[in-house]
Amino acid sequence: MRTIGMLGGMSWESTADCYHLAYEEVRDRLGGYHSARIVLDSVDFADVERMQAEGRWADAAHLLANRARAVERAGADLLVLCTNTMHKVTQDIEAAVTIPVHMPTPPLPPCGTPTCARSDCSAPRPGLTLTSHWVRRGVAECPAPRPPTGRLKYARQRRLGMNRKKQHHTVPKSYLSGFSSGRTLTAVNVHTGKAHGISAHDATTQRGFYAVPDHPNPDAFEDALSRIEGAAANLLARIAHGYWPLQHDERVTLSVFITLQFLRGPDHREQIRQLSEHLLRRLSPEELKRLGVSSPDLSAEDLTATHLQQIVALAPELAGVLIGRPWLLISFDEPSLITSDAPLTALPDPRLGADAGLGLGNAFALLFPLNRRLGLQMNHPGIAAHVPGGMEVIVAGEADAAIAGDEVRRSRFNNSTVRFAHERIFHHPDDAALVPGHFRELRAAGGRINFADIPDGLLPAP
């Protein structure tokens, strides 16, 4: 068996695919406990990406050529480039080594014949075709097209990025950048108090969190969220530069964005799981069967599907609640605010008493930190909701205002942020002093209801 050299890290996801497929191929061809012999050199993609962005392709070629030589010296019999974009420097890498170089997706027609126009051609590509224990030159005429099946179809989907659950952001990185230094945040675990640095890109990612089960494009929901985030990011940037008040359509855009932050996170999904499983466990096997449910414990796919359906069902109504409140933009002279993985928080109405439920509808005010210096407070409409024409004025944004922040408002925002955080709070690396010193007591006061901690007698009946 020959030793496969891999030059990866561009990015790590494509490297993982190549690594995974090589082992699967060896297992299927040789059986037993056989596994692939691999020498892997993973570069730091940040260096390569910077060279790409600056057009420094010669420098990138020099870097990868040196790493390719290291892989050859380590005993590789062939070299696989686990990347697509860097095919631009393949010739430089080939010139640097004496072993064959394989590019998974060379920029040539599928059959290797420049004159072939068949997009569904299944002939081997020219150059080198990698298998688990031999390498052969791909020389073949273009055969009749055949539909991909079995492992061929699966491998092809993986190479094309289909069926792959990418990293999904539960809080948009564009929003978190308003609390970062460059791309760096400080994350504080609200359960342990431990803090560490993390990039805004990675702070709230979960693999396939919004993947749509049984959909041709599993990332369709994430893509839809990204479009909403893009519109909101532009609006937040304008507000940061002094644009206020907003027009009606801009209020709608920001309301939808903020509502999604309330609905889309792991905290909301966990509530769905707790309540659903509590109710399902009270049903008999016959009742479960009539509902088409095999177990009271939701599968990961069922939980994801239920969560996505609830987001779609609730978002319009809850966004309407936000639109129907007068907005107050609070501006601080210096960095004053932190945020969390559940950034929309609610202040209780003191007139309702401690036993009253707390939600978006009856909250005295809803708070949403926009960046380190700006916070949005959405107040209860109060009596204005019952005055003829009052709601029209509010919805149009004519009741919105802006005021200067002070110590009281800063504490109100940051205390509420800690209280309602699910797992982490985030702040600029220079803003550690903004984290309330009594954050453990605030956490104990609780934010969202944890149905797992409520006695059965107080839970809703099925």
Protein backbone atom coordinates (compact mmCIF):
# COMPACT_ATOMS: atom_id res chain seq x y z
CA MET A 1 0.00 0.00 0.00
CA ARG A 2 1.34 3.41 -0.94
CA THR A 3 1.45 6.38 1.42
CA ILE A 4 -0.90 9.22 0.51
CA GLY A 5 0.38 12.71 1.15
CA MET A 6 -2.22 15.42 1.80
CA LEU A 7 -1.71 19.16 1.76
CA GLY A 8 -4.72 20.58 3.60
CA GLY A 9 -6.15 23.24 5.85
CA MET A 10 -7.61 25.22 2.89
CA SER A 11 -10.13 25.01 4.46
CA TRP A 12 -10.26 22.27 7.09
CA GLU A 13 -13.71 21.12 5.91
CA SER A 14 -12.44 20.05 2.48
CA THR A 15 -9.42 18.45 4.15
CA ALA A 16 -11.71 16.43 6.40
CA ASP A 17 -13.65 15.24 3.36
CA CYS A 18 -10.52 14.00 1.58
CA TYR A 19 -9.24 12.32 4.75
CA HIS A 20 -12.61 10.66 5.40
CA LEU A 21 -13.05 9.40 1.84
CA ALA A 22 -9.53 7.94 1.69
CA TYR A 23 -10.16 5.82 4.79
CA GLU A 24 -13.58 4.73 3.54
CA GLU A 25 -12.10 3.65 0.21
CA VAL A 26 -9.38 1.57 1.88
CA ARG A 27 -11.92 -0.03 4.19
CA ASP A 28 -14.21 -0.96 1.30
CA ARG A 29 -11.42 -2.29 -0.96
CA LEU A 30 -9.24 -4.12 1.56
CA GLY A 31 -11.68 -4.88 4.38
CA GLY A 32 -10.76 -6.02 7.85
CA TYR A 33 -8.81 -3.54 9.94
CA HIS A 34 -6.98 -1.95 7.02
CA SER A 35 -6.68 1.82 7.05
CA ALA A 36 -5.00 4.33 4.79
CA ARG A 37 -1.38 5.36 5.18
CA ILE A 38 -1.53 9.16 5.21
CA VAL A 39 0.95 11.99 5.74
CA LEU A 40 -1.04 15.19 6.32
CA ASP A 41 0.33 18.71 6.45
CA SER A 42 -2.34 21.27 7.39
CA VAL A 43 -1.44 24.90 6.69
CA ASP A 44 -2.88 27.89 8.53
CA PHE A 45 -5.63 29.01 6.14
CA ALA A 46 -5.52 32.56 7.55
CA ASP A 47 -2.08 33.03 5.94
CA VAL A 48 -3.22 31.62 2.60
CA GLU A 49 -6.50 33.55 2.62
CA ARG A 50 -4.63 36.81 3.22
CA MET A 51 -2.35 36.10 0.28
CA GLN A 52 -5.38 35.34 -1.91
CA ALA A 53 -7.12 38.58 -0.90
CA GLU A 54 -3.96 40.62 -1.64
CA GLY A 55 -3.34 38.86 -4.97
CA ARG A 56 -0.02 37.44 -3.76
CA TRP A 57 -0.30 34.18 -5.66
CA ALA A 58 3.48 33.83 -6.06
CA ASP A 59 3.89 33.94 -2.27
CA ALA A 60 1.11 31.39 -1.84
CA ALA A 61 2.76 29.13 -4.41
CA HIS A 62 6.11 29.40 -2.61
CA LEU A 63 4.48 28.55 0.76
CA LEU A 64 2.63 25.50 -0.57
CA ALA A 65 5.62 24.29 -2.57
CA ASN A 66 7.73 24.24 0.60
CA ARG A 67 5.03 22.35 2.50
CA ALA A 68 4.68 19.89 -0.39
CA ARG A 69 8.42 19.13 -0.18
CA ALA A 70 8.00 18.44 3.55
CA VAL A 71 5.21 15.95 2.81
CA GLU A 72 7.41 14.19 0.25
CA ARG A 73 10.31 14.03 2.69
CA ALA A 74 7.96 12.46 5.25
CA GLY A 75 7.51 9.47 2.94
CA ALA A 76 4.49 10.24 0.77
CA ASP A 77 4.28 8.40 -2.57
CA LEU A 78 1.80 10.89 -4.02
CA LEU A 79 0.34 14.24 -3.02
CA VAL A 80 -3.32 15.26 -2.85
CA LEU A 81 -4.19 18.97 -2.73
CA CYS A 82 -7.25 19.12 -0.47
CA THR A 83 -8.45 22.41 -1.89
CA ASN A 84 -10.21 23.92 -4.88
CA THR A 85 -9.13 27.55 -5.13
CA MET A 86 -5.42 26.77 -4.89
CA HIS A 87 -5.48 24.88 -8.19
CA LYS A 88 -4.06 28.18 -9.49
CA VAL A 89 -0.62 27.18 -8.13
CA THR A 90 -0.72 23.45 -8.93
CA GLN A 91 2.07 23.75 -11.52
CA ASP A 92 4.38 25.40 -8.98
CA ILE A 93 3.74 22.58 -6.52
CA GLU A 94 4.31 19.90 -9.18
CA ALA A 95 7.62 21.52 -10.05
CA ALA A 96 8.70 21.41 -6.40
CA VAL A 97 8.29 17.64 -5.85
CA THR A 98 9.11 14.42 -7.62
CA ILE A 99 5.95 12.54 -6.60
CA PRO A 100 2.65 12.70 -8.53
CA VAL A 101 0.28 15.52 -7.54
CA HIS A 102 -3.49 15.08 -7.58
CA MET A 103 -5.98 17.92 -7.68
CA PRO A 104 -9.52 16.74 -6.70
CA THR A 105 -11.29 19.21 -8.99
CA PRO A 106 -9.01 20.37 -11.83
CA PRO A 107 -10.37 23.09 -14.10
CA LEU A 108 -11.01 20.75 -17.04
CA PRO A 109 -14.11 19.11 -18.56
CA PRO A 110 -15.23 15.93 -16.76
CA CYS A 111 -13.80 13.54 -19.33
CA GLY A 112 -10.54 15.42 -19.72
CA THR A 113 -11.17 16.22 -23.36
CA PRO A 114 -11.43 19.99 -23.97
CA THR A 115 -13.87 19.41 -26.82
CA CYS A 116 -16.25 17.27 -24.76
CA ALA A 117 -19.49 19.10 -23.91
CA ARG A 118 -21.09 16.43 -21.73
CA SER A 119 -21.69 17.87 -18.27
CA ASP A 120 -22.69 14.45 -16.93
CA CYS A 121 -19.67 12.62 -18.28
CA SER A 122 -18.31 10.04 -15.83
CA ALA A 123 -14.90 9.33 -17.34
CA PRO A 124 -11.79 9.68 -15.19
CA ARG A 125 -10.16 13.09 -15.28
CA PRO A 126 -6.69 13.45 -16.78
CA GLY A 127 -3.60 13.60 -14.64
CA LEU A 128 -3.81 11.37 -11.60
CA THR A 129 -6.82 9.49 -10.30
CA LEU A 130 -6.48 8.55 -6.65
CA THR A 131 -7.60 5.25 -5.21
CA SER A 132 -6.71 3.76 -1.87
CA HIS A 133 -3.80 1.55 -2.92
CA TRP A 134 -2.77 2.55 -6.40
CA VAL A 135 -2.43 5.60 -8.59
CA ARG A 136 -2.99 5.39 -12.30
CA ARG A 137 -2.95 7.86 -15.12
CA GLY A 138 -6.51 8.63 -16.20
CA VAL A 139 -6.64 7.80 -19.86
CA ALA A 140 -10.07 6.96 -21.20
CA GLU A 141 -12.49 7.82 -23.93
CA CYS A 142 -15.66 9.59 -22.92
CA PRO A 143 -18.19 6.86 -22.13
CA ALA A 144 -21.95 7.20 -22.24
CA PRO A 145 -23.25 9.13 -19.24
CA ARG A 146 -24.54 7.09 -16.33
CA PRO A 147 -26.41 8.25 -13.25
CA PRO A 148 -24.30 8.26 -10.09
CA THR A 149 -25.39 5.64 -7.58
CA GLY A 150 -24.29 4.34 -4.21
CA ARG A 151 -20.86 5.42 -3.02
CA LEU A 152 -20.11 7.19 -6.31
CA LYS A 153 -23.11 9.47 -5.78
CA TYR A 154 -22.24 10.01 -2.10
CA ALA A 155 -18.61 10.83 -2.84
CA ARG A 156 -19.59 13.18 -5.65
CA GLN A 157 -22.05 14.99 -3.40
CA ARG A 158 -19.39 15.40 -0.74
CA ARG A 159 -16.89 16.80 -3.26
CA LEU A 160 -19.45 19.30 -4.52
CA GLY A 161 -20.34 20.37 -0.99
CA MET A 162 -23.85 18.90 -1.23
CA ASN A 163 -25.41 17.14 1.73
CA ARG A 164 -22.83 18.78 3.97
CA LYS A 165 -23.95 20.49 7.16
CA LYS A 166 -21.87 23.61 7.36
CA GLN A 167 -21.27 25.74 10.40
CA HIS A 168 -24.36 27.82 11.20
CA HIS A 169 -24.28 30.99 13.29
CA THR A 170 -26.93 31.22 16.00
CA VAL A 171 -25.97 34.88 16.54
CA PRO A 172 -24.76 36.67 13.39
CA LYS A 173 -21.06 37.45 13.24
CA SER A 174 -21.92 40.84 11.68
CA TYR A 175 -23.80 41.72 14.88
CA LEU A 176 -21.08 40.39 17.21
CA SER A 177 -18.46 42.47 15.37
CA GLY A 178 -20.00 45.53 17.05
CA PHE A 179 -18.58 44.19 20.32
CA SER A 180 -15.22 42.96 19.04
CA SER A 181 -11.69 44.23 18.59
CA GLY A 182 -11.03 43.48 14.96
CA ARG A 183 -12.49 40.00 14.91
CA THR A 184 -11.79 39.11 18.54
CA LEU A 185 -14.34 38.89 21.37
CA THR A 186 -14.11 37.82 24.98
CA ALA A 187 -16.61 35.09 25.82
CA VAL A 188 -17.64 34.46 29.43
CA ASN A 189 -19.31 31.22 30.44
CA VAL A 190 -22.24 32.30 32.59
CA HIS A 191 -22.20 29.01 34.53
CA THR A 192 -18.52 28.92 35.46
CA GLY A 193 -17.41 32.53 35.05
CA LYS A 194 -14.44 31.45 32.91
CA ALA A 195 -13.47 33.86 30.13
CA HIS A 196 -11.54 33.27 26.92
CA GLY A 197 -10.88 34.99 23.62
CA ILE A 198 -12.74 33.87 20.52
CA SER A 199 -13.33 35.22 17.01
CA ALA A 200 -16.70 36.72 16.14
CA HIS A 201 -16.84 34.20 13.28
CA ASP A 202 -16.62 31.19 15.60
CA ALA A 203 -18.34 32.48 18.73
CA THR A 204 -21.80 31.00 18.18
CA THR A 205 -21.36 28.39 15.45
CA GLN A 206 -22.98 24.96 15.55
CA ARG A 207 -22.65 22.44 12.78
CA GLY A 208 -25.88 22.07 10.82
CA PHE A 209 -27.99 23.80 13.49
CA TYR A 210 -30.53 25.00 10.92
CA ALA A 211 -30.11 22.12 8.45
CA VAL A 212 -33.53 21.38 6.90
CA PRO A 213 -34.24 17.62 7.08
CA ASP A 214 -34.91 15.93 3.71
CA HIS A 215 -34.44 19.15 1.72
CA PRO A 216 -32.43 19.32 -1.53
CA ASN A 217 -30.48 22.19 0.02
CA PRO A 218 -30.06 21.50 3.76
CA ASP A 219 -28.68 25.01 4.23
CA ALA A 220 -31.77 26.73 2.76
CA PHE A 221 -32.91 28.08 6.14
CA GLU A 222 -29.44 29.33 7.03
CA ASP A 223 -29.25 31.02 3.62
CA ALA A 224 -32.58 32.78 4.28
CA LEU A 225 -31.35 33.97 7.67
CA SER A 226 -28.18 35.28 6.03
CA ARG A 227 -30.18 37.48 3.67
CA ILE A 228 -32.08 39.00 6.59
CA GLU A 229 -28.84 39.48 8.50
CA GLY A 230 -27.28 41.29 5.54
CA ALA A 231 -30.10 43.82 5.37
CA ALA A 232 -29.98 44.34 9.14
CA ALA A 233 -26.19 44.73 9.16
CA ASN A 234 -26.42 47.61 6.69
CA LEU A 235 -29.09 49.26 8.82
CA LEU A 236 -27.13 48.80 12.06
CA ALA A 237 -24.08 50.38 10.42
CA ARG A 238 -26.15 53.43 9.43
CA ILE A 239 -27.56 53.75 12.97
CA ALA A 240 -24.01 53.58 14.35
CA HIS A 241 -23.15 56.57 12.15
CA GLY A 242 -26.01 58.69 13.46
CA TYR A 243 -28.99 57.68 11.34
CA TRP A 244 -32.17 57.96 13.44
CA PRO A 245 -35.20 57.73 13.51
CA LEU A 246 -36.00 54.91 11.11
CA GLN A 247 -38.59 54.77 8.38
CA HIS A 248 -41.43 52.25 8.68
CA ASP A 249 -39.86 49.67 6.35
CA GLU A 250 -36.57 50.00 8.23
CA ARG A 251 -38.37 49.40 11.54
CA VAL A 252 -39.84 46.25 9.99
CA THR A 253 -36.37 45.07 8.88
CA LEU A 254 -34.87 45.59 12.34
CA SER A 255 -37.92 44.10 14.10
CA VAL A 256 -37.68 40.89 12.07
CA PHE A 257 -33.94 40.66 12.74
CA ILE A 258 -34.36 41.13 16.51
CA THR A 259 -37.31 38.72 16.65
CA LEU A 260 -35.20 36.06 14.98
CA GLN A 261 -32.54 36.50 17.67
CA PHE A 262 -35.23 35.66 20.20
CA LEU A 263 -36.46 32.58 18.34
CA ARG A 264 -33.45 31.08 16.60
CA GLY A 265 -31.08 30.23 19.45
CA PRO A 266 -30.26 27.03 21.33
CA ASP A 267 -32.16 28.39 24.35
CA HIS A 268 -35.43 28.41 22.41
CA ARG A 269 -34.76 24.96 20.97
CA GLU A 270 -34.07 23.60 24.43
CA GLN A 271 -37.40 24.97 25.67
CA ILE A 272 -39.16 23.26 22.78
CA ARG A 273 -37.48 19.96 23.63
CA GLN A 274 -38.30 20.16 27.34
CA LEU A 275 -41.96 21.01 26.86
CA SER A 276 -42.54 18.61 23.95
CA GLU A 277 -41.00 15.65 25.74
CA HIS A 278 -42.87 16.46 28.94
CA LEU A 279 -46.20 16.39 27.12
CA LEU A 280 -45.36 13.33 25.02
CA ARG A 281 -44.36 11.30 28.09
CA ARG A 282 -47.87 11.74 29.44
CA LEU A 283 -49.38 10.00 26.42
CA SER A 284 -49.99 6.27 26.12
CA PRO A 285 -48.26 4.20 23.40
CA GLU A 286 -51.57 4.11 21.50
CA GLU A 287 -51.88 7.90 21.62
CA LEU A 288 -48.30 8.30 20.47
CA LYS A 289 -48.97 5.94 17.59
CA ARG A 290 -52.01 7.97 16.51
CA LEU A 291 -49.81 11.04 16.43
CA GLY A 292 -47.24 9.20 14.32
CA VAL A 293 -44.65 9.42 17.10
CA SER A 294 -42.61 6.34 17.99
CA SER A 295 -41.00 7.72 21.16
CA PRO A 296 -41.55 10.61 23.56
CA ASP A 297 -37.88 11.50 23.11
CA LEU A 298 -37.52 13.72 20.06
CA SER A 299 -34.83 12.81 17.56
CA ALA A 300 -32.35 15.52 16.59
CA GLU A 301 -33.98 15.87 13.16
CA ASP A 302 -37.50 16.08 14.62
CA LEU A 303 -36.38 18.70 17.11
CA THR A 304 -34.71 20.74 14.37
CA ALA A 305 -37.80 20.52 12.16
CA THR A 306 -40.09 21.55 15.02
CA HIS A 307 -37.84 24.49 15.87
CA LEU A 308 -37.69 25.74 12.28
CA GLN A 309 -41.45 25.42 11.90
CA GLN A 310 -41.97 27.42 15.08
CA ILE A 311 -39.63 30.17 13.92
CA VAL A 312 -41.58 30.52 10.68
CA ALA A 313 -44.94 30.44 12.50
CA LEU A 314 -44.09 32.86 15.31
CA ALA A 315 -41.75 35.38 13.67
CA PRO A 316 -44.42 37.51 11.90
CA GLU A 317 -46.58 37.84 15.01
CA LEU A 318 -43.71 38.58 17.40
CA ALA A 319 -42.13 41.05 14.98
CA GLY A 320 -45.48 42.82 15.03
CA VAL A 321 -45.19 43.11 18.81
CA LEU A 322 -41.85 44.90 18.44
CA ILE A 323 -43.12 47.17 15.68
CA GLY A 324 -46.06 48.12 17.91
CA ARG A 325 -43.79 49.59 20.61
CA PRO A 326 -42.22 53.06 20.71
CA TRP A 327 -38.45 52.79 20.34
CA LEU A 328 -35.84 54.63 22.35
CA LEU A 329 -32.27 54.73 21.04
CA ILE A 330 -29.88 55.11 23.97
CA SER A 331 -26.45 56.48 23.09
CA PHE A 332 -23.48 56.24 25.46
CA ASP A 333 -20.42 58.52 25.26
CA GLU A 334 -18.04 55.63 25.93
CA PRO A 335 -18.18 51.84 25.48
CA SER A 336 -20.83 50.68 27.95
CA LEU A 337 -22.66 47.56 26.72
CA ILE A 338 -22.08 43.84 26.50
CA THR A 339 -24.18 41.22 24.69
CA SER A 340 -24.89 37.49 24.81
CA ASP A 341 -26.00 34.43 22.87
CA ALA A 342 -29.60 35.53 23.60
CA PRO A 343 -29.39 39.31 23.12
CA LEU A 344 -33.08 40.28 23.29
CA THR A 345 -34.13 40.62 26.94
CA ALA A 346 -37.29 41.69 28.76
CA LEU A 347 -37.88 43.94 31.76
CA PRO A 348 -40.92 43.02 33.86
CA ASP A 349 -43.73 45.49 34.43
CA PRO A 350 -43.52 46.40 38.15
CA ARG A 351 -47.30 46.86 38.24
CA LEU A 352 -47.93 43.18 37.47
CA GLY A 353 -46.30 41.67 40.54
CA ALA A 354 -43.56 39.07 40.93
CA ASP A 355 -45.82 36.12 40.05
CA ALA A 356 -46.86 37.47 36.65
CA GLY A 357 -45.47 35.77 33.56
CA LEU A 358 -42.93 37.66 31.48
CA GLY A 359 -42.98 37.68 27.70
CA LEU A 360 -42.53 39.96 24.72
CA GLY A 361 -46.13 41.12 24.89
CA ASN A 362 -46.41 42.19 28.53
CA ALA A 363 -42.83 43.28 29.21
CA PHE A 364 -42.43 46.84 30.49
CA ALA A 365 -39.53 47.20 28.05
CA LEU A 366 -37.53 45.04 25.65
CA LEU A 367 -33.80 45.68 25.53
CA PHE A 368 -31.43 44.94 22.65
CA PRO A 369 -27.78 46.12 22.70
CA LEU A 370 -26.88 47.25 19.16
CA ASN A 371 -23.15 47.70 19.77
CA ARG A 372 -20.82 48.82 22.57
CA ARG A 373 -22.25 52.36 22.61
CA LEU A 374 -25.84 51.98 21.42
CA GLY A 375 -28.78 50.21 22.99
CA LEU A 376 -32.37 49.91 21.76
CA GLN A 377 -35.17 50.05 24.32
CA MET A 378 -38.64 49.11 23.05
CA ASN A 379 -41.21 50.35 25.55
CA HIS A 380 -44.72 49.07 26.19
CA PRO A 381 -47.20 51.23 24.23
CA GLY A 382 -49.35 51.66 27.33
CA ILE A 383 -52.43 53.82 26.95
CA ALA A 384 -51.34 54.95 23.47
CA ALA A 385 -52.46 51.58 22.15
CA HIS A 386 -56.05 52.45 23.06
CA VAL A 387 -56.09 56.04 21.81
CA PRO A 388 -57.60 56.47 18.32
CA GLY A 389 -54.71 56.68 15.86
CA GLY A 390 -52.17 55.94 18.60
CA MET A 391 -50.92 52.66 17.18
CA GLU A 392 -50.61 54.16 13.70
CA VAL A 393 -48.27 56.78 15.09
CA ILE A 394 -46.18 54.15 16.90
CA VAL A 395 -45.96 51.75 13.96
CA ALA A 396 -44.89 54.57 11.66
CA GLY A 397 -42.02 55.34 14.03
CA GLU A 398 -43.29 58.83 14.83
CA ALA A 399 -43.11 58.11 18.58
CA ASP A 400 -39.47 56.97 18.45
CA ALA A 401 -36.83 59.07 20.20
CA ALA A 402 -33.15 59.15 21.16
CA ILE A 403 -31.58 59.98 24.54
CA ALA A 404 -28.16 59.95 26.17
CA GLY A 405 -27.21 56.92 28.22
CA ASP A 406 -26.26 57.05 31.88
CA GLU A 407 -25.08 54.69 34.61
CA VAL A 408 -28.61 53.52 35.45
CA ARG A 409 -29.39 52.58 31.86
CA ARG A 410 -25.99 50.92 31.41
CA SER A 411 -26.58 48.73 34.47
CA ARG A 412 -30.12 47.92 33.33
CA PHE A 413 -28.91 46.69 29.96
CA ASN A 414 -25.94 44.69 31.20
CA ASN A 415 -27.76 43.13 34.15
CA SER A 416 -30.56 42.01 31.85
CA THR A 417 -28.05 40.65 29.32
CA VAL A 418 -26.45 38.44 31.97
CA ARG A 419 -29.78 37.31 33.38
CA PHE A 420 -31.12 36.09 30.05
CA ALA A 421 -27.88 34.69 28.56
CA HIS A 422 -28.09 31.02 27.66
CA GLU A 423 -24.46 29.91 27.84
CA ARG A 424 -22.22 32.90 27.15
CA ILE A 425 -21.97 36.64 27.35
CA PHE A 426 -19.70 38.49 24.93
CA HIS A 427 -17.79 41.72 25.27
CA HIS A 428 -14.92 43.66 23.76
CA PRO A 429 -11.54 42.51 25.16
CA ASP A 430 -11.18 45.93 26.86
CA ASP A 431 -14.65 45.84 28.47
CA ALA A 432 -14.30 43.19 31.17
CA ALA A 433 -15.22 45.78 33.80
CA LEU A 434 -18.69 46.06 32.24
CA VAL A 435 -19.63 42.52 33.29
CA PRO A 436 -21.71 42.89 36.48
CA GLY A 437 -19.80 41.70 39.52
CA HIS A 438 -22.87 39.90 40.84
CA PHE A 439 -23.52 38.02 37.59
CA ARG A 440 -23.97 34.70 39.44
CA GLU A 441 -26.87 36.17 41.41
CA LEU A 442 -28.35 37.55 38.20
CA ARG A 443 -28.09 34.13 36.60
CA ALA A 444 -29.79 32.58 39.62
CA ALA A 445 -32.70 34.99 39.12
CA GLY A 446 -33.13 33.32 35.75
CA GLY A 447 -34.25 34.43 32.34
CA ARG A 448 -36.17 31.96 30.22
CA ILE A 449 -38.20 29.25 31.90
CA ASN A 450 -36.41 25.94 32.32
CA PHE A 451 -39.23 23.40 32.11
CA ALA A 452 -36.95 20.67 33.41
CA ASP A 453 -36.81 22.42 36.81
CA ILE A 454 -40.56 23.01 37.24
CA PRO A 455 -42.61 20.56 39.37
CA ASP A 456 -45.10 18.49 37.38
CA GLY A 457 -48.05 20.15 39.13
CA LEU A 458 -47.10 23.52 37.66
CA LEU A 459 -46.52 22.34 34.08
CA PRO A 460 -49.28 22.61 31.46
CA ALA A 461 -51.49 19.58 31.03
CA PRO A 462 -51.45 17.76 27.67
